[in-house]
């Protein structure tokens, strides 16, 4: 490709996430392997983002490539309406062995946002089927992020999310303050009092509480205390509200546990999974629920869950996801995440001394440097690229969530690049 012409076309015609047209400068990737991205000009970048947290095994893993190629020769896609196939069954069997006990029913869908949409529909249909149609609101946490589709947007943070732009279309939901008690700090029961107050006052209207367990991701990379999650579970049980755990970002080991709910020892009524599910190869997500919720929904007026994507349970995606789960479980992923956590703690600690830095925080394979002022993305990204790393800051945060196979020297290079670019601010 003539990259001068290609990049000119890209800038003029192709939207990128959360971007305007004409677009900002982008860096053309021509190849990827392991934790490295090769650019069109021959430079290599250490990918500190794992392609927005999904490529947990790195790029071009031979086992994932083989699984995809083998399935491609058999069946690339077939509608899931009235038909089924081995990859969907095999993936479902693997998932039920991994998720918290009691989650038994699986809905495969296209993306994390759609997994959240399905979860919200499940909760609404569950109470409609019981003659409790008044329970049609949701409770979410400030600082939360659950996706870009309309239902998902409605339960994202009402200030930092997209509510204001779509105020005429998004239903108004209830929001509790973001948990303030940090992960690793002593628990203060007062932290959950605002949540309890909203539930006590409005439980007759609320179908479900939706939250990101332990780690609020794109809403601010905030780590909160497991006892908040335990309290949320107890309140939902007491007031007959469903608990939806959005583990799209945290699932499959990112926080040091296979699922972040395990830090609190709780099981949600509905679980949303995505991102790392296929190891970053194809878009696939899943919404899981209990037999009781599923049976109630299917006994309701519609006699089914009212959702059905065209590419539901795509065989290619299911096959590579099944292989990705096998690969994860056969690896010493916990040791790798612990190793990454130690490397990030050590490597990012010097940032805390910089005047521009408000806080440094690390949990599992997540390292975050929060600045006192918003990041100038257009200015800071080229400086990171010059130092041989790929990161995608947002808001006041420069953070990394690398692949689990990242080497110690690569962790060091990521941390050093972050320190240097912040030093220049």
Protein backbone atom coordinates (compact mmCIF):
# COMPACT_ATOMS: atom_id res chain seq x y z
CA UNK A 1 0.00 0.00 0.00
CA UNK A 2 1.03 3.56 -0.64
CA UNK A 3 0.78 4.71 2.96
CA UNK A 4 0.77 8.42 2.16
CA UNK A 5 -2.39 7.90 0.11
CA UNK A 6 -3.81 5.40 2.58
CA UNK A 7 -3.38 7.63 5.59
CA UNK A 8 -4.84 10.59 3.69
CA UNK A 9 -7.92 8.49 2.90
CA UNK A 10 -8.12 7.30 6.51
CA UNK A 11 -7.93 10.84 7.84
CA UNK A 12 -10.63 12.07 5.46
CA UNK A 13 -13.08 9.16 5.57
CA UNK A 14 -12.60 6.67 8.42
CA UNK A 15 -13.96 7.23 11.87
CA UNK A 16 -11.87 5.88 14.74
CA UNK A 17 -13.23 5.42 18.30
CA UNK A 18 -14.35 8.69 19.85
CA UNK A 19 -12.82 10.73 17.04
CA UNK A 20 -13.84 13.53 14.73
CA UNK A 21 -13.46 13.81 10.97
CA UNK A 22 -11.03 14.69 9.58
CA UNK A 23 -9.22 12.51 12.06
CA UNK A 24 -6.14 12.91 14.21
CA UNK A 25 -2.86 11.23 13.16
CA UNK A 26 -2.87 7.45 13.42
CA UNK A 27 -0.03 4.91 13.20
CA UNK A 28 -0.38 2.18 10.57
CA UNK A 29 0.23 -1.36 11.88
CA UNK A 30 1.32 -3.95 9.32
CA UNK A 31 2.12 -6.90 11.56
CA UNK A 32 1.89 -8.04 15.18
CA UNK A 33 3.52 -10.82 17.15
CA UNK A 34 3.65 -11.48 20.88
CA UNK A 35 3.52 -8.10 22.59
CA UNK A 36 4.90 -6.14 19.61
CA UNK A 37 3.22 -4.06 16.94
CA UNK A 38 5.19 -3.47 13.75
CA UNK A 39 4.51 -0.14 12.05
CA UNK A 40 4.62 0.53 8.32
CA UNK A 41 7.91 2.43 8.72
CA UNK A 42 9.55 -0.60 10.34
CA UNK A 43 9.45 0.57 13.95
CA UNK A 44 8.21 -1.82 16.64
CA UNK A 45 6.09 -0.78 19.61
CA UNK A 46 5.52 -2.65 22.84
CA UNK A 47 1.74 -2.85 23.12
CA UNK A 48 0.78 -1.85 26.64
CA UNK A 49 -2.93 -2.00 25.88
CA UNK A 50 -3.38 -5.61 24.67
CA UNK A 51 -5.66 -4.04 22.06
CA UNK A 52 -8.01 -2.58 24.65
CA UNK A 53 -7.39 -5.39 27.12
CA UNK A 54 -8.45 -8.36 24.98
CA UNK A 55 -5.22 -9.85 23.51
CA UNK A 56 -4.20 -11.50 26.79
CA UNK A 57 -2.02 -14.14 25.07
CA UNK A 58 -0.33 -11.64 22.78
CA UNK A 59 -0.60 -11.59 19.00
CA UNK A 60 -0.32 -14.47 16.52
CA UNK A 61 -0.27 -17.23 19.09
CA UNK A 62 0.29 -20.48 17.14
CA UNK A 63 -2.45 -22.39 18.96
CA UNK A 64 -5.05 -19.69 18.41
CA UNK A 65 -4.01 -19.33 14.76
CA UNK A 66 -4.32 -23.08 14.28
CA UNK A 67 -7.74 -23.22 15.93
CA UNK A 68 -9.02 -20.44 13.71
CA UNK A 69 -7.58 -21.92 10.51
CA UNK A 70 -8.93 -25.38 11.26
CA UNK A 71 -12.42 -24.05 11.92
CA UNK A 72 -12.26 -21.88 8.81
CA UNK A 73 -11.91 -25.02 6.69
CA UNK A 74 -15.02 -26.52 8.29
CA UNK A 75 -17.54 -23.78 8.96
CA UNK A 76 -17.00 -20.03 9.05
CA UNK A 77 -20.54 -19.06 9.98
CA UNK A 78 -24.06 -20.39 10.20
CA UNK A 79 -27.15 -18.84 11.73
CA UNK A 80 -27.80 -19.90 15.32
CA UNK A 81 -31.57 -19.73 14.88
CA UNK A 82 -32.70 -23.36 14.71
CA UNK A 83 -29.15 -24.64 14.20
CA UNK A 84 -26.17 -25.32 16.42
CA UNK A 85 -22.54 -26.39 16.07
CA UNK A 86 -19.68 -27.95 18.00
CA UNK A 87 -17.69 -24.75 18.76
CA UNK A 88 -20.67 -23.14 20.53
CA UNK A 89 -21.30 -26.26 22.60
CA UNK A 90 -17.61 -26.70 23.44
CA UNK A 91 -17.24 -23.07 24.47
CA UNK A 92 -20.37 -23.22 26.60
CA UNK A 93 -19.11 -26.34 28.38
CA UNK A 94 -15.81 -24.64 29.16
CA UNK A 95 -17.46 -21.47 30.46
CA UNK A 96 -19.74 -23.31 32.87
CA UNK A 97 -16.71 -24.93 34.46
CA UNK A 98 -15.13 -21.53 35.08
CA UNK A 99 -17.85 -19.09 36.12
CA UNK A 100 -19.29 -18.92 39.65
CA UNK A 101 -21.47 -21.95 40.44
CA UNK A 102 -25.14 -21.45 39.67
CA UNK A 103 -24.66 -19.54 36.43
CA UNK A 104 -25.94 -22.14 33.99
CA UNK A 105 -27.55 -20.45 30.99
CA UNK A 106 -25.52 -18.72 28.28
CA UNK A 107 -26.44 -16.20 25.60
CA UNK A 108 -23.63 -15.65 23.05
CA UNK A 109 -23.61 -12.25 21.39
CA UNK A 110 -21.48 -9.87 19.36
CA UNK A 111 -19.75 -7.51 21.77
CA UNK A 112 -19.54 -6.32 25.35
CA UNK A 113 -22.10 -3.57 24.82
CA UNK A 114 -24.57 -6.11 23.44
CA UNK A 115 -23.88 -8.43 26.39
CA UNK A 116 -24.98 -5.58 28.65
CA UNK A 117 -28.08 -4.96 26.52
CA UNK A 118 -29.00 -8.64 26.86
CA UNK A 119 -28.45 -8.48 30.62
CA UNK A 120 -30.77 -5.48 30.95
CA UNK A 121 -33.43 -7.21 28.84
CA UNK A 122 -33.14 -10.33 31.00
CA UNK A 123 -33.76 -8.30 34.14
CA UNK A 124 -36.75 -6.47 32.67
CA UNK A 125 -38.35 -9.63 31.27
CA UNK A 126 -37.70 -11.45 34.55
CA UNK A 127 -39.88 -9.07 36.52
CA UNK A 128 -42.44 -8.62 33.75
CA UNK A 129 -42.97 -12.37 33.81
CA UNK A 130 -43.74 -12.14 37.54
CA UNK A 131 -46.29 -9.38 37.07
CA UNK A 132 -43.93 -6.76 38.47
CA UNK A 133 -43.75 -4.46 35.45
CA UNK A 134 -43.16 -1.47 37.73
CA UNK A 135 -39.60 -2.76 38.24
CA UNK A 136 -38.26 -1.24 35.04
CA UNK A 137 -35.45 0.98 36.32
CA UNK A 138 -31.78 0.19 36.87
CA UNK A 139 -29.35 1.22 39.56
CA UNK A 140 -25.72 1.81 38.59
CA UNK A 141 -22.62 3.38 40.10
CA UNK A 142 -21.15 6.75 39.26
CA UNK A 143 -17.81 6.29 37.57
CA UNK A 144 -19.10 3.20 35.80
CA UNK A 145 -18.89 2.38 32.11
CA UNK A 146 -20.89 -0.37 30.40
CA UNK A 147 -20.76 0.31 26.66
CA UNK A 148 -21.89 2.59 23.86
CA UNK A 149 -25.27 1.18 22.82
CA UNK A 150 -28.37 2.90 24.13
CA UNK A 151 -29.25 0.66 27.06
CA UNK A 152 -25.60 0.47 28.08
CA UNK A 153 -25.18 4.25 27.82
CA UNK A 154 -28.15 4.73 30.11
CA UNK A 155 -26.32 2.94 32.95
CA UNK A 156 -22.95 4.63 32.37
CA UNK A 157 -21.87 7.52 34.56
CA UNK A 158 -24.41 10.33 33.98
CA UNK A 159 -21.73 13.05 34.08
CA UNK A 160 -18.64 11.57 32.43
CA UNK A 161 -20.68 9.31 30.13
CA UNK A 162 -22.80 10.35 27.16
CA UNK A 163 -26.10 11.11 28.89
CA UNK A 164 -26.14 14.81 28.13
CA UNK A 165 -25.78 14.29 24.38
CA UNK A 166 -28.65 11.81 24.26
CA UNK A 167 -30.79 13.15 27.08
CA UNK A 168 -33.95 13.06 24.99
CA UNK A 169 -33.58 9.36 24.24
CA UNK A 170 -31.93 7.69 27.23
CA UNK A 171 -34.16 6.60 30.09
CA UNK A 172 -33.22 8.08 33.44
CA UNK A 173 -31.82 5.56 35.91
CA UNK A 174 -30.71 5.64 39.54
CA UNK A 175 -27.04 6.20 40.40
CA UNK A 176 -25.21 5.60 43.66
CA UNK A 177 -21.95 7.40 44.45
CA UNK A 178 -18.78 5.67 43.34
CA UNK A 179 -17.33 3.47 46.11
CA UNK A 180 -14.67 5.45 47.97
CA UNK A 181 -13.17 2.68 50.08
CA UNK A 182 -10.10 1.49 48.20
CA UNK A 183 -9.05 -2.04 47.40
CA UNK A 184 -6.51 -3.03 50.06
CA UNK A 185 -7.60 -0.40 52.59
CA UNK A 186 -9.62 -1.15 55.74
CA UNK A 187 -13.33 -1.50 55.04
CA UNK A 188 -15.66 1.26 56.18
CA UNK A 189 -19.33 0.12 56.19
CA UNK A 190 -20.42 3.74 55.72
CA UNK A 191 -19.19 3.51 52.14
CA UNK A 192 -22.22 1.43 51.15
CA UNK A 193 -24.82 3.51 52.99
CA UNK A 194 -25.77 5.67 49.97
CA UNK A 195 -26.29 2.51 47.91
CA UNK A 196 -28.43 1.01 50.66
CA UNK A 197 -30.49 4.18 50.95
CA UNK A 198 -31.35 4.23 47.25
CA UNK A 199 -32.26 0.55 47.25
CA UNK A 200 -34.43 0.88 50.35
CA UNK A 201 -36.25 3.87 48.88
CA UNK A 202 -36.68 2.69 45.29
CA UNK A 203 -36.47 -1.12 45.26
CA UNK A 204 -40.04 -1.43 43.97
CA UNK A 205 -38.93 0.36 40.79
CA UNK A 206 -35.47 -1.21 40.37
CA UNK A 207 -35.04 -4.40 38.36
CA UNK A 208 -31.29 -4.73 38.76
CA UNK A 209 -28.12 -3.20 40.09
CA UNK A 210 -25.39 -3.23 37.43
CA UNK A 211 -21.76 -2.69 38.36
CA UNK A 212 -18.21 -3.51 37.37
CA UNK A 213 -16.90 -5.65 40.23
CA UNK A 214 -13.78 -4.35 42.02
CA UNK A 215 -12.45 -2.35 39.03
CA UNK A 216 -14.31 0.44 37.29
CA UNK A 217 -12.66 0.42 33.88
CA UNK A 218 -13.18 3.06 31.21
CA UNK A 219 -14.99 5.27 33.73
CA UNK A 220 -11.75 5.96 35.59
CA UNK A 221 -9.72 2.80 36.39
CA UNK A 222 -10.91 2.88 40.00
CA UNK A 223 -10.26 -0.05 42.36
CA UNK A 224 -12.70 -0.48 45.23
CA UNK A 225 -13.10 -2.69 48.30
CA UNK A 226 -14.51 -6.24 47.97
CA UNK A 227 -16.79 -5.64 50.98
CA UNK A 228 -18.69 -3.08 48.94
CA UNK A 229 -19.47 -5.84 46.46
CA UNK A 230 -20.45 -8.21 49.28
CA UNK A 231 -22.79 -5.57 50.68
CA UNK A 232 -24.31 -4.98 47.23
CA UNK A 233 -25.02 -8.70 46.93
CA UNK A 234 -26.69 -8.78 50.34
CA UNK A 235 -28.84 -5.73 49.57
CA UNK A 236 -29.95 -7.19 46.24
CA UNK A 237 -30.97 -10.41 47.97
CA UNK A 238 -32.80 -8.56 50.74
CA UNK A 239 -34.78 -6.28 48.43
CA UNK A 240 -35.35 -8.72 45.55
CA UNK A 241 -33.20 -6.95 42.99
CA UNK A 242 -31.04 -8.77 40.44
CA UNK A 243 -27.29 -8.17 40.50
CA UNK A 244 -25.59 -7.78 37.11
CA UNK A 245 -21.79 -8.08 37.14
CA UNK A 246 -20.15 -6.49 34.12
CA UNK A 247 -16.87 -8.44 33.91
CA UNK A 248 -16.20 -7.57 30.29
CA UNK A 249 -12.94 -5.82 31.25
CA UNK A 250 -12.09 -7.75 34.42
CA UNK A 251 -12.86 -11.32 33.40
CA UNK A 252 -10.26 -14.00 32.64
CA UNK A 253 -7.58 -13.08 35.13
CA UNK A 254 -6.96 -9.36 34.72
CA UNK A 255 -7.32 -8.51 38.43
CA UNK A 256 -5.43 -11.56 39.72
CA UNK A 257 -8.55 -13.71 40.06
CA UNK A 258 -10.20 -15.48 37.15
CA UNK A 259 -13.24 -13.25 37.70
CA UNK A 260 -13.22 -10.11 39.83
CA UNK A 261 -16.33 -11.31 41.72
CA UNK A 262 -14.07 -13.91 43.31
CA UNK A 263 -12.34 -11.19 45.36
CA UNK A 264 -15.64 -10.86 47.24
CA UNK A 265 -16.72 -14.49 47.01
CA UNK A 266 -20.09 -13.60 45.48
CA UNK A 267 -22.11 -14.81 42.52
CA UNK A 268 -24.11 -12.36 40.43
CA UNK A 269 -27.52 -13.21 39.01
CA UNK A 270 -26.33 -12.15 35.56
CA UNK A 271 -22.73 -12.05 34.34
CA UNK A 272 -21.44 -10.20 31.25
CA UNK A 273 -18.21 -11.38 29.60
CA UNK A 274 -16.30 -10.21 26.52
CA UNK A 275 -12.96 -8.66 25.51
CA UNK A 276 -10.43 -11.38 26.49
CA UNK A 277 -12.92 -14.17 25.71
CA UNK A 278 -11.40 -14.84 22.27
CA UNK A 279 -7.88 -13.72 23.16
CA UNK A 280 -8.36 -10.67 20.96
CA UNK A 281 -9.00 -12.55 17.72
CA UNK A 282 -12.68 -11.90 17.02
CA UNK A 283 -15.54 -10.02 18.62
CA UNK A 284 -17.57 -12.27 20.90
CA UNK A 285 -19.33 -11.81 24.22
CA UNK A 286 -21.56 -13.79 26.53
CA UNK A 287 -24.30 -13.10 29.04
CA UNK A 288 -24.81 -15.81 31.64
CA UNK A 289 -27.58 -16.22 34.19
CA UNK A 290 -29.12 -18.68 36.60
CA UNK A 291 -31.59 -21.43 35.78
CA UNK A 292 -34.23 -19.64 37.86
CA UNK A 293 -33.89 -16.34 36.00
CA UNK A 294 -33.90 -18.10 32.63
CA UNK A 295 -36.92 -20.24 33.47
CA UNK A 296 -38.87 -17.23 34.69
CA UNK A 297 -38.07 -15.22 31.55
CA UNK A 298 -39.04 -18.10 29.28
CA UNK A 299 -42.33 -18.59 31.12
CA UNK A 300 -43.29 -14.97 30.55
CA UNK A 301 -45.43 -13.38 27.87
CA UNK A 302 -42.83 -13.67 25.09
CA UNK A 303 -41.93 -17.29 26.03
CA UNK A 304 -38.32 -16.46 25.12
CA UNK A 305 -35.54 -13.94 25.62
CA UNK A 306 -36.21 -11.23 23.05
CA UNK A 307 -32.83 -10.94 21.40
CA UNK A 308 -31.10 -12.68 18.50
CA UNK A 309 -28.02 -11.27 16.73
CA UNK A 310 -27.21 -12.32 13.17
CA UNK A 311 -23.71 -13.42 14.13
CA UNK A 312 -24.74 -15.01 17.42
CA UNK A 313 -22.32 -17.79 18.43
CA UNK A 314 -20.24 -17.39 15.28
CA UNK A 315 -18.30 -20.68 14.89
CA UNK A 316 -14.96 -19.02 14.21
CA UNK A 317 -15.25 -16.85 17.31
CA UNK A 318 -16.47 -19.73 19.49
CA UNK A 319 -13.67 -22.04 18.35
CA UNK A 320 -10.89 -19.55 19.01
CA UNK A 321 -12.51 -18.61 22.33
CA UNK A 322 -12.57 -22.25 23.46
CA UNK A 323 -8.89 -22.59 22.55
CA UNK A 324 -8.09 -19.31 24.29
CA UNK A 325 -9.69 -20.54 27.52
CA UNK A 326 -7.74 -23.80 27.30
CA UNK A 327 -4.55 -21.85 26.72
CA UNK A 328 -5.25 -19.60 29.70
CA UNK A 329 -5.98 -22.44 32.09
CA UNK A 330 -3.01 -24.50 30.96
CA UNK A 331 -0.68 -21.54 31.54
CA UNK A 332 0.47 -20.26 34.91
CA UNK A 333 -1.63 -17.16 34.37
CA UNK A 334 -1.86 -16.29 38.06
CA UNK A 335 1.91 -16.25 38.40
CA UNK A 336 2.16 -14.11 35.28
CA UNK A 337 -0.39 -11.60 36.56
CA UNK A 338 1.39 -11.49 39.93
CA UNK A 339 4.70 -10.94 38.11
CA UNK A 340 3.20 -8.12 36.05
CA UNK A 341 1.69 -6.54 39.15
CA UNK A 342 5.07 -6.54 40.90
CA UNK A 343 6.76 -5.07 37.82
CA UNK A 344 4.17 -2.32 37.48
CA UNK A 345 4.36 -1.42 41.16
CA UNK A 346 8.11 -1.09 40.98
CA UNK A 347 8.24 0.59 37.58
CA UNK A 348 5.46 3.13 38.14
CA UNK A 349 6.41 4.06 41.72
CA UNK A 350 8.79 6.88 40.62
CA UNK A 351 5.87 8.59 38.88
CA UNK A 352 4.37 9.38 42.28
CA UNK A 353 7.17 11.91 42.85
CA UNK A 354 6.31 13.94 39.74
CA UNK A 355 4.45 17.24 40.26
CA UNK A 356 1.88 16.45 37.56
CA UNK A 357 0.83 13.14 39.18
CA UNK A 358 -2.11 12.83 41.55
CA UNK A 359 -1.88 9.09 42.22
CA UNK A 360 -0.38 5.80 41.09
CA UNK A 361 -2.40 2.60 41.56
CA UNK A 362 -1.85 -1.01 40.52
CA UNK A 363 -4.01 -4.13 40.76
CA UNK A 364 -3.22 -7.36 38.96
CA UNK A 365 -2.17 -6.64 35.39
CA UNK A 366 -3.48 -3.06 35.55
CA UNK A 367 -1.21 -0.07 36.14
CA UNK A 368 -2.62 3.44 36.37
CA UNK A 369 -1.05 6.88 36.70
CA UNK A 370 -3.65 9.54 37.37
CA UNK A 371 -2.60 13.09 36.55
CA UNK A 372 -3.85 16.30 38.11
CA UNK A 373 -4.98 17.63 34.72
CA UNK A 374 -6.46 15.98 31.61
CA UNK A 375 -4.06 14.32 29.21
CA UNK A 376 -3.45 16.02 25.86
CA UNK A 377 -3.81 12.88 23.77
CA UNK A 378 -2.63 14.46 20.52
CA UNK A 379 0.55 15.69 22.19
CA UNK A 380 1.42 12.75 24.42
CA UNK A 381 0.77 9.81 22.06
CA UNK A 382 3.60 10.70 19.62
CA UNK A 383 5.98 11.01 22.56
CA UNK A 384 5.09 7.51 23.70
CA UNK A 385 5.51 6.16 20.17
CA UNK A 386 8.93 7.82 19.96
CA UNK A 387 9.87 5.81 23.05
CA UNK A 388 8.75 2.58 21.43
CA UNK A 389 5.52 1.91 23.33
CA UNK A 390 1.81 1.96 22.48
CA UNK A 391 -0.56 3.31 25.11
CA UNK A 392 -3.91 5.01 24.79
CA UNK A 393 -4.44 7.50 27.64
CA UNK A 394 -7.84 9.00 28.40
CA UNK A 395 -9.14 11.68 30.72
CA UNK A 396 -6.50 12.23 33.40
CA UNK A 397 -5.17 8.69 33.12
CA UNK A 398 -2.10 7.12 31.54
CA UNK A 399 -2.50 3.43 32.13
CA UNK A 400 -1.40 0.02 30.90
CA UNK A 401 -3.15 -3.38 30.73
CA UNK A 402 -0.67 -5.54 28.82
CA UNK A 403 -0.80 -9.13 27.61
CA UNK A 404 0.01 -11.71 30.26
CA UNK A 405 3.04 -12.88 28.27
CA UNK A 406 4.82 -9.52 28.51
CA UNK A 407 8.47 -9.77 29.57
CA UNK A 408 10.04 -7.94 32.52
CA UNK A 409 12.15 -5.70 30.30
CA UNK A 410 9.04 -4.74 28.34
CA UNK A 411 7.20 -3.84 31.55
CA UNK A 412 10.21 -1.72 32.47
CA UNK A 413 10.17 0.00 29.09
CA UNK A 414 6.44 0.81 29.41
CA UNK A 415 6.91 2.26 32.89
CA UNK A 416 9.99 4.24 31.88
CA UNK A 417 8.17 5.74 28.89
CA UNK A 418 5.26 6.77 31.10
CA UNK A 419 7.64 8.37 33.58
CA UNK A 420 9.52 10.27 30.88
CA UNK A 421 6.50 11.70 29.10
CA UNK A 422 4.96 12.82 32.37
CA UNK A 423 8.28 14.40 33.38
CA UNK A 424 8.03 16.56 30.26
CA UNK A 425 4.59 17.94 31.15
